[in-house]
């Protein structure tokens, strides 16, 4: 009987021949902590009377939630991160560098075949590069600091087979929202979601990031993409080793199999206040939008902003009709936007470009919508009060749909603004 990708990686990291349902101790290859979960992790570590971090090179602290620092209380919490890191030799990536998931990836911690944990639920993102990315709590992270290992229950695996090719302008965000609507909010509960099928060849690495990021919204334990030629080329271009890449066995056992025809996926919007509440864009077309948020760890990458830039160039001179916030996923993304003229174009249209950080996505930094606002965001959550105001309503969509809607001041299909050869 063959194994899934998750079973293979857990077998390698535990040194035991494991199957779904087994409880094991496994070596953690990399661990990410931030300024939201990190201070509590440090407190628990100290309460454990732990005195060592044997593998500081496997750990990274990244400040991204409270950026720029909003008050003295948070400043003390962030200082605890610097003090702890200095004591044990752990790298710290300071405020302004970007969102943890993006920075952690840019720094080379994310590699095929690895077992990675993060102090944030959207650590599922890392699975885009054929590894296991798992979000954990502060007490578990303290154990990883202290020992370099952690206990896991090996998850069952849901297999998604992609067929067909996405239509023009349809990307990873639409695919993710489609899957979440199909699986439901608990459809991936303590499961590994594994992908395959001939349709996967039509999904870019950026599409795969967005999909894996969003799978946290159906409670997936992890979300893992195959290692194919596209992933191999990507690793070669970045100089990343990939000898530990993992493929599932043909006779692997899955708890559920689903087939998704990418050619059938349309622009989809997650309506308040659940990510599973997906509706076709055509159902909302023409309804007023008050604020647009472009970016975040889901869709704040250079590829996303390049797509937005193409759209803007199709509508010369048209300013954004609503308050438009832009959050690059990292400083390097922001710098590339400057070099390619994307940032200037966004500013000329009336956008506000914020510091690379989690920012308004979770209401931890400026960018809170006003009472009664309809917000169209490219982020990953639209729960009541998510952006800091329970009197506003958050809708989720792709960068192209969000940008088109910002230009029109209402829910708008980007195809209406772009020529056929650019969507």
Protein backbone atom coordinates (compact mmCIF):
# COMPACT_ATOMS: atom_id res chain seq x y z
CA UNK A 1 0.00 0.00 0.00
CA UNK A 2 1.48 3.30 -1.13
CA UNK A 3 1.84 6.61 0.70
CA UNK A 4 0.66 10.16 0.27
CA UNK A 5 3.10 13.08 0.26
CA UNK A 6 2.28 13.82 3.91
CA UNK A 7 2.89 10.22 4.97
CA UNK A 8 6.21 10.16 3.14
CA UNK A 9 7.50 13.40 4.67
CA UNK A 10 6.40 12.42 8.18
CA UNK A 11 8.08 9.04 7.72
CA UNK A 12 11.33 10.73 6.74
CA UNK A 13 11.26 13.26 9.57
CA UNK A 14 10.32 10.74 12.26
CA UNK A 15 12.49 7.85 11.10
CA UNK A 16 9.43 5.60 11.37
CA UNK A 17 7.24 4.00 8.70
CA UNK A 18 4.09 6.00 9.41
CA UNK A 19 0.51 5.98 8.20
CA UNK A 20 -2.40 8.36 8.62
CA UNK A 21 -3.59 8.33 12.23
CA UNK A 22 -0.19 7.54 13.76
CA UNK A 23 1.06 9.84 16.53
CA UNK A 24 4.78 10.52 16.17
CA UNK A 25 7.67 12.76 17.12
CA UNK A 26 9.27 14.37 14.08
CA UNK A 27 12.22 16.64 13.36
CA UNK A 28 11.21 20.15 12.32
CA UNK A 29 13.29 21.59 9.48
CA UNK A 30 12.26 25.22 9.89
CA UNK A 31 10.10 27.25 12.26
CA UNK A 32 8.65 30.74 11.81
CA UNK A 33 7.45 32.93 14.67
CA UNK A 34 6.15 36.50 14.50
CA UNK A 35 5.39 39.43 16.77
CA UNK A 36 1.82 38.23 17.35
CA UNK A 37 2.54 34.69 18.56
CA UNK A 38 6.24 35.04 19.39
CA UNK A 39 6.01 36.88 22.74
CA UNK A 40 3.64 34.24 24.15
CA UNK A 41 5.92 31.48 22.85
CA UNK A 42 8.84 33.11 24.69
CA UNK A 43 6.80 33.35 27.89
CA UNK A 44 5.87 29.66 27.72
CA UNK A 45 9.47 28.71 26.92
CA UNK A 46 10.63 30.54 30.03
CA UNK A 47 7.88 29.03 32.17
CA UNK A 48 9.09 25.60 31.04
CA UNK A 49 12.47 26.51 32.56
CA UNK A 50 13.95 25.70 29.15
CA UNK A 51 17.55 26.85 28.83
CA UNK A 52 18.58 26.05 25.29
CA UNK A 53 17.63 26.42 21.65
CA UNK A 54 19.74 23.70 20.05
CA UNK A 55 18.97 24.66 16.46
CA UNK A 56 18.66 28.46 16.21
CA UNK A 57 19.46 28.31 12.50
CA UNK A 58 16.14 26.52 11.92
CA UNK A 59 14.14 29.29 13.62
CA UNK A 60 13.29 32.80 12.46
CA UNK A 61 11.39 35.67 14.07
CA UNK A 62 9.66 38.02 11.64
CA UNK A 63 7.91 41.21 12.77
CA UNK A 64 4.86 41.74 10.60
CA UNK A 65 1.61 42.07 12.55
CA UNK A 66 2.10 45.36 14.40
CA UNK A 67 3.99 47.42 11.85
CA UNK A 68 4.80 50.23 12.41
CA UNK A 69 4.56 49.59 16.15
CA UNK A 70 1.28 51.20 17.35
CA UNK A 71 1.87 51.69 21.09
CA UNK A 72 4.22 51.17 24.04
CA UNK A 73 2.64 47.86 25.07
CA UNK A 74 3.38 46.31 21.70
CA UNK A 75 6.84 47.88 21.74
CA UNK A 76 7.64 45.93 24.92
CA UNK A 77 6.39 42.71 23.37
CA UNK A 78 8.51 43.27 20.30
CA UNK A 79 11.52 44.06 22.47
CA UNK A 80 11.09 40.67 24.15
CA UNK A 81 11.56 39.07 20.74
CA UNK A 82 14.84 40.92 20.18
CA UNK A 83 16.11 40.11 23.68
CA UNK A 84 15.28 36.41 23.36
CA UNK A 85 16.79 36.19 19.88
CA UNK A 86 20.02 37.83 21.00
CA UNK A 87 20.29 35.40 23.91
CA UNK A 88 19.92 32.29 21.74
CA UNK A 89 21.29 33.44 18.38
CA UNK A 90 18.00 33.33 16.49
CA UNK A 91 17.70 35.50 13.34
CA UNK A 92 15.22 38.39 13.53
CA UNK A 93 13.77 40.04 10.44
CA UNK A 94 12.63 43.45 11.68
CA UNK A 95 9.54 45.49 10.96
CA UNK A 96 9.16 46.74 7.42
CA UNK A 97 10.74 43.73 5.73
CA UNK A 98 7.36 42.26 4.96
CA UNK A 99 4.81 39.64 5.88
CA UNK A 100 6.26 36.57 7.58
CA UNK A 101 5.12 34.02 5.01
CA UNK A 102 6.67 35.98 2.16
CA UNK A 103 9.91 36.90 3.97
CA UNK A 104 10.38 33.36 5.32
CA UNK A 105 10.08 32.08 1.76
CA UNK A 106 12.36 34.75 0.27
CA UNK A 107 15.04 33.88 2.81
CA UNK A 108 15.17 30.27 1.59
CA UNK A 109 13.60 28.46 4.54
CA UNK A 110 10.89 26.99 2.30
CA UNK A 111 12.20 24.05 0.26
CA UNK A 112 10.78 20.84 -1.23
CA UNK A 113 10.42 17.92 1.15
CA UNK A 114 10.69 19.94 4.35
CA UNK A 115 8.53 19.83 7.47
CA UNK A 116 7.91 23.45 8.43
CA UNK A 117 5.89 24.94 11.28
CA UNK A 118 4.76 28.50 11.77
CA UNK A 119 3.13 30.49 14.53
CA UNK A 120 0.34 31.54 12.18
CA UNK A 121 -2.55 29.59 10.67
CA UNK A 122 -1.63 30.54 7.11
CA UNK A 123 1.65 28.67 7.33
CA UNK A 124 -0.13 26.27 4.97
CA UNK A 125 1.25 28.65 2.31
CA UNK A 126 4.62 26.89 2.31
CA UNK A 127 3.13 23.78 0.78
CA UNK A 128 3.16 25.48 -2.62
CA UNK A 129 6.78 24.28 -2.91
CA UNK A 130 6.15 20.59 -2.19
CA UNK A 131 6.68 20.67 1.56
CA UNK A 132 4.45 20.46 4.64
CA UNK A 133 3.62 23.86 6.13
CA UNK A 134 1.71 23.58 9.40
CA UNK A 135 0.39 26.31 11.70
CA UNK A 136 0.93 25.62 15.41
CA UNK A 137 0.21 27.31 18.73
CA UNK A 138 2.60 29.04 21.11
CA UNK A 139 3.07 26.07 23.47
CA UNK A 140 3.96 23.76 20.59
CA UNK A 141 6.33 26.36 19.18
CA UNK A 142 8.06 26.62 22.57
CA UNK A 143 8.70 22.87 22.37
CA UNK A 144 10.17 23.28 18.87
CA UNK A 145 12.48 25.99 20.21
CA UNK A 146 13.58 23.77 23.08
CA UNK A 147 14.06 20.48 21.23
CA UNK A 148 13.85 20.96 17.47
CA UNK A 149 11.09 18.35 17.40
CA UNK A 150 7.33 18.20 17.84
CA UNK A 151 4.59 15.60 18.13
CA UNK A 152 2.18 15.21 15.25
CA UNK A 153 -0.80 13.08 14.38
CA UNK A 154 -0.22 12.08 10.77
CA UNK A 155 -3.20 13.49 8.83
CA UNK A 156 -5.43 11.72 6.37
CA UNK A 157 -5.20 13.20 2.88
CA UNK A 158 -7.81 14.72 0.58
CA UNK A 159 -6.74 14.44 -3.05
CA UNK A 160 -7.70 17.21 -5.50
CA UNK A 161 -7.33 16.31 -9.19
CA UNK A 162 -7.22 19.32 -11.48
CA UNK A 163 -8.32 18.97 -15.09
CA UNK A 164 -8.75 21.56 -17.83
CA UNK A 165 -7.23 25.02 -18.14
CA UNK A 166 -8.32 28.22 -16.36
CA UNK A 167 -10.06 30.81 -18.49
CA UNK A 168 -8.65 34.30 -19.13
CA UNK A 169 -8.12 36.29 -15.93
CA UNK A 170 -8.83 33.31 -13.67
CA UNK A 171 -6.03 32.61 -11.17
CA UNK A 172 -5.16 31.01 -7.89
CA UNK A 173 -7.55 33.13 -5.82
CA UNK A 174 -10.56 31.99 -7.81
CA UNK A 175 -9.42 28.38 -7.59
CA UNK A 176 -8.94 28.69 -3.82
CA UNK A 177 -12.36 30.24 -3.22
CA UNK A 178 -13.94 27.60 -5.45
CA UNK A 179 -12.29 24.81 -3.45
CA UNK A 180 -13.27 26.31 -0.10
CA UNK A 181 -16.89 26.65 -1.19
CA UNK A 182 -16.80 23.02 -2.36
CA UNK A 183 -15.09 21.56 0.74
CA UNK A 184 -16.75 23.73 3.38
CA UNK A 185 -15.25 25.43 6.42
CA UNK A 186 -14.29 22.11 8.05
CA UNK A 187 -13.78 20.02 4.93
CA UNK A 188 -10.03 19.87 5.49
CA UNK A 189 -10.17 19.58 9.28
CA UNK A 190 -6.86 17.97 10.36
CA UNK A 191 -6.35 16.79 6.79
CA UNK A 192 -3.56 17.21 4.30
CA UNK A 193 -4.89 18.56 1.00
CA UNK A 194 -2.79 17.19 -1.87
CA UNK A 195 -3.04 18.28 -5.51
CA UNK A 196 -2.39 16.65 -8.84
CA UNK A 197 -3.82 16.02 -12.29
CA UNK A 198 -2.90 17.38 -15.70
CA UNK A 199 -4.56 20.70 -14.94
CA UNK A 200 -1.88 21.54 -12.37
CA UNK A 201 0.50 22.41 -15.21
CA UNK A 202 -1.62 25.50 -15.92
CA UNK A 203 -1.23 26.86 -12.38
CA UNK A 204 1.76 29.16 -11.81
CA UNK A 205 3.84 29.07 -8.66
CA UNK A 206 2.04 32.23 -7.59
CA UNK A 207 -1.33 30.55 -8.16
CA UNK A 208 -0.14 27.64 -6.03
CA UNK A 209 0.90 29.97 -3.21
CA UNK A 210 -2.53 31.58 -3.11
CA UNK A 211 -4.29 28.22 -3.08
CA UNK A 212 -2.16 26.77 -0.28
CA UNK A 213 -2.48 29.99 1.73
CA UNK A 214 -6.27 29.89 1.56
CA UNK A 215 -6.63 26.22 2.51
CA UNK A 216 -6.35 27.28 6.14
CA UNK A 217 -9.94 28.51 5.64
CA UNK A 218 -11.23 24.95 5.35
CA UNK A 219 -9.18 23.95 8.43
CA UNK A 220 -6.55 22.03 6.45
CA UNK A 221 -3.60 20.82 8.53
CA UNK A 222 -1.40 21.32 5.49
CA UNK A 223 -1.77 21.87 1.77
CA UNK A 224 0.87 20.42 -0.53
CA UNK A 225 1.52 20.85 -4.25
CA UNK A 226 3.34 18.28 -6.41
CA UNK A 227 6.94 18.66 -7.50
CA UNK A 228 6.73 18.98 -11.27
CA UNK A 229 8.74 20.64 -14.03
CA UNK A 230 7.36 24.06 -13.16
CA UNK A 231 8.49 23.63 -9.54
CA UNK A 232 11.85 22.27 -10.66
CA UNK A 233 12.47 25.29 -12.92
CA UNK A 234 11.41 27.62 -10.12
CA UNK A 235 13.89 26.04 -7.69
CA UNK A 236 16.67 26.19 -10.28
CA UNK A 237 16.02 29.87 -10.91
CA UNK A 238 16.17 30.62 -7.18
CA UNK A 239 19.13 28.34 -6.48
CA UNK A 240 17.13 26.19 -4.08
CA UNK A 241 18.03 22.52 -3.54
CA UNK A 242 15.27 20.11 -4.49
CA UNK A 243 16.79 16.67 -4.02
CA UNK A 244 14.32 16.02 -1.17
CA UNK A 245 11.24 16.61 -3.32
CA UNK A 246 8.47 14.08 -2.70
CA UNK A 247 5.91 12.49 -4.99
CA UNK A 248 2.93 10.40 -3.84
CA UNK A 249 2.75 6.73 -4.69
CA UNK A 250 0.30 5.71 -7.39
CA UNK A 251 -1.47 3.41 -4.95
CA UNK A 252 -1.59 5.94 -2.09
CA UNK A 253 -4.73 5.82 0.04
CA UNK A 254 -6.87 8.97 0.29
CA UNK A 255 -9.82 9.64 2.58
CA UNK A 256 -11.50 11.63 -0.19
CA UNK A 257 -10.93 12.38 -3.88
CA UNK A 258 -12.30 15.38 -5.75
CA UNK A 259 -11.98 16.38 -9.39
CA UNK A 260 -12.03 20.07 -10.31
CA UNK A 261 -12.27 21.24 -13.92
CA UNK A 262 -10.33 24.50 -13.98
CA UNK A 263 -12.06 25.58 -17.20
CA UNK A 264 -15.37 25.77 -15.32
CA UNK A 265 -14.15 28.18 -12.63
CA UNK A 266 -15.42 31.75 -12.93
CA UNK A 267 -14.68 34.91 -10.98
CA UNK A 268 -15.95 34.18 -7.48
CA UNK A 269 -16.44 36.46 -4.47
CA UNK A 270 -16.56 35.33 -0.83
CA UNK A 271 -19.36 37.33 0.78
CA UNK A 272 -19.67 38.34 4.47
CA UNK A 273 -18.98 36.88 6.89
CA UNK A 274 -17.64 33.48 5.81
CA UNK A 275 -14.95 32.53 3.32
CA UNK A 276 -17.16 29.60 2.29
CA UNK A 277 -19.94 32.01 1.27
CA UNK A 278 -18.79 32.15 -2.34
CA UNK A 279 -20.96 33.67 -5.06
CA UNK A 280 -20.32 34.30 -8.73
CA UNK A 281 -19.14 37.83 -9.47
CA UNK A 282 -22.03 38.16 -11.92
CA UNK A 283 -24.46 37.95 -8.98
CA UNK A 284 -22.89 41.03 -7.35
CA UNK A 285 -22.09 43.01 -10.47
CA UNK A 286 -22.93 46.68 -10.12
CA UNK A 287 -23.24 46.74 -6.34
CA UNK A 288 -21.41 49.62 -4.66
CA UNK A 289 -17.90 49.18 -3.21
CA UNK A 290 -16.49 51.67 -0.65
CA UNK A 291 -12.95 50.39 -0.08
CA UNK A 292 -10.51 48.07 -1.82
CA UNK A 293 -7.53 46.31 -0.25
CA UNK A 294 -4.89 45.03 -2.70
CA UNK A 295 -2.11 42.81 -1.40
CA UNK A 296 -1.47 40.90 1.87
CA UNK A 297 0.16 37.45 2.24
CA UNK A 298 -2.41 35.97 -0.13
CA UNK A 299 -2.13 38.29 -3.14
CA UNK A 300 0.58 40.84 -2.37
CA UNK A 301 3.29 39.43 -4.62
CA UNK A 302 4.92 41.01 -7.62
CA UNK A 303 3.04 38.74 -10.01
CA UNK A 304 -0.26 39.98 -8.55
CA UNK A 305 0.67 43.63 -8.96
CA UNK A 306 1.92 43.03 -12.50
CA UNK A 307 -1.54 41.74 -13.39
CA UNK A 308 -3.12 44.81 -11.82
CA UNK A 309 -0.68 47.02 -13.73
CA UNK A 310 -1.75 45.44 -17.04
CA UNK A 311 -5.35 46.27 -16.22
CA UNK A 312 -4.56 49.86 -15.28
CA UNK A 313 -2.72 50.40 -18.54
CA UNK A 314 -5.90 49.43 -20.35
CA UNK A 315 -7.78 52.29 -18.65
CA UNK A 316 -5.45 55.31 -18.96
CA UNK A 317 -6.11 58.25 -16.68
CA UNK A 318 -8.95 56.66 -14.73
CA UNK A 319 -8.52 57.23 -10.99
CA UNK A 320 -9.71 54.84 -8.34
CA UNK A 321 -13.25 55.74 -7.34
CA UNK A 322 -12.93 54.37 -3.82
CA UNK A 323 -10.40 54.37 -0.99
CA UNK A 324 -7.75 51.93 -2.20
CA UNK A 325 -5.08 50.48 0.07
CA UNK A 326 -2.08 48.60 -1.30
CA UNK A 327 0.01 46.26 0.86
CA UNK A 328 3.07 44.69 -0.82
CA UNK A 329 3.97 41.34 0.72
CA UNK A 330 7.59 42.36 1.30
CA UNK A 331 10.12 45.12 0.89
CA UNK A 332 11.62 43.34 -2.10
CA UNK A 333 8.21 43.23 -3.76
CA UNK A 334 7.75 46.94 -3.05
CA UNK A 335 11.16 47.77 -4.51
CA UNK A 336 10.38 45.80 -7.66
CA UNK A 337 7.07 47.66 -7.94
CA UNK A 338 9.03 50.91 -7.81
CA UNK A 339 11.53 49.76 -10.44
CA UNK A 340 8.82 48.58 -12.83
CA UNK A 341 6.66 51.69 -12.48
CA UNK A 342 3.82 49.82 -10.81
CA UNK A 343 3.95 51.81 -7.57
CA UNK A 344 3.92 55.14 -9.45
CA UNK A 345 0.92 53.99 -11.48
CA UNK A 346 -1.00 53.00 -8.35
CA UNK A 347 -0.18 56.28 -6.61
CA UNK A 348 -1.22 58.26 -9.67
CA UNK A 349 -4.61 56.55 -9.53
CA UNK A 350 -5.07 57.63 -5.90
CA UNK A 351 -3.98 54.52 -4.00
CA UNK A 352 -2.26 54.55 -0.62
CA UNK A 353 0.72 52.18 -0.43
CA UNK A 354 1.22 50.92 3.11
CA UNK A 355 4.24 49.42 4.82
CA UNK A 356 4.77 45.76 3.87
CA UNK A 357 3.03 44.03 6.80
CA UNK A 358 -0.17 42.28 7.83
CA UNK A 359 -1.62 45.76 8.26
CA UNK A 360 -5.36 46.23 7.76
CA UNK A 361 -5.93 42.56 6.86
CA UNK A 362 -6.36 41.69 10.53
CA UNK A 363 -7.02 45.18 11.86
CA UNK A 364 -3.68 45.37 13.67
CA UNK A 365 -2.46 48.49 11.87
CA UNK A 366 -3.98 51.54 10.13
CA UNK A 367 -6.54 50.96 7.39
CA UNK A 368 -9.72 50.27 9.38
CA UNK A 369 -12.88 50.71 7.25
CA UNK A 370 -15.65 53.08 8.34
CA UNK A 371 -19.09 52.01 9.56
CA UNK A 372 -21.24 50.60 6.78
CA UNK A 373 -18.34 50.22 4.35
CA UNK A 374 -18.36 47.49 1.76
CA UNK A 375 -14.75 46.33 1.46
CA UNK A 376 -13.43 44.21 -1.40
CA UNK A 377 -10.18 42.65 -0.27
CA UNK A 378 -7.63 40.26 -1.77
CA UNK A 379 -6.84 38.92 1.72
CA UNK A 380 -7.82 35.50 3.06
CA UNK A 381 -10.47 36.19 5.69
CA UNK A 382 -13.72 38.15 5.81
CA UNK A 383 -14.95 37.32 9.31
CA UNK A 384 -17.02 39.92 11.15
CA UNK A 385 -14.64 42.57 12.52
CA UNK A 386 -11.62 41.07 10.75
CA UNK A 387 -10.35 44.47 9.59
CA UNK A 388 -11.05 46.15 12.91
CA UNK A 389 -14.67 47.26 12.53
CA UNK A 390 -17.68 45.00 13.13
CA UNK A 391 -19.89 47.58 11.38
CA UNK A 392 -18.27 46.99 7.97
CA UNK A 393 -18.65 44.14 5.49
CA UNK A 394 -15.69 42.37 3.89
CA UNK A 395 -15.81 40.60 0.53
CA UNK A 396 -12.88 38.59 -0.86
CA UNK A 397 -11.80 38.46 -4.48
CA UNK A 398 -8.83 38.33 -6.82
CA UNK A 399 -6.45 41.23 -7.53
CA UNK A 400 -7.89 41.78 -11.02
CA UNK A 401 -11.47 41.91 -9.77
CA UNK A 402 -10.50 44.17 -6.85
CA UNK A 403 -8.61 46.60 -9.09
CA UNK A 404 -11.39 46.72 -11.67
CA UNK A 405 -13.92 47.37 -8.91
CA UNK A 406 -11.74 50.14 -7.45
CA UNK A 407 -11.69 51.86 -10.84
CA UNK A 408 -15.46 51.58 -11.27
CA UNK A 409 -16.55 52.05 -7.65
CA UNK A 410 -18.65 48.89 -7.85
CA UNK A 411 -18.23 45.14 -8.30
CA UNK A 412 -16.87 44.86 -11.83
CA UNK A 413 -15.68 42.07 -14.10
CA UNK A 414 -12.14 42.97 -15.25
CA UNK A 415 -12.96 41.64 -18.72
CA UNK A 416 -15.07 44.75 -19.23
CA UNK A 417 -11.95 46.93 -18.92
CA UNK A 418 -9.31 44.79 -20.62
CA UNK A 419 -8.73 43.68 -24.18
CA UNK A 420 -8.96 39.96 -24.92
CA UNK A 421 -5.21 39.51 -25.36
CA UNK A 422 -4.31 40.86 -21.91
CA UNK A 423 -6.73 39.05 -19.57
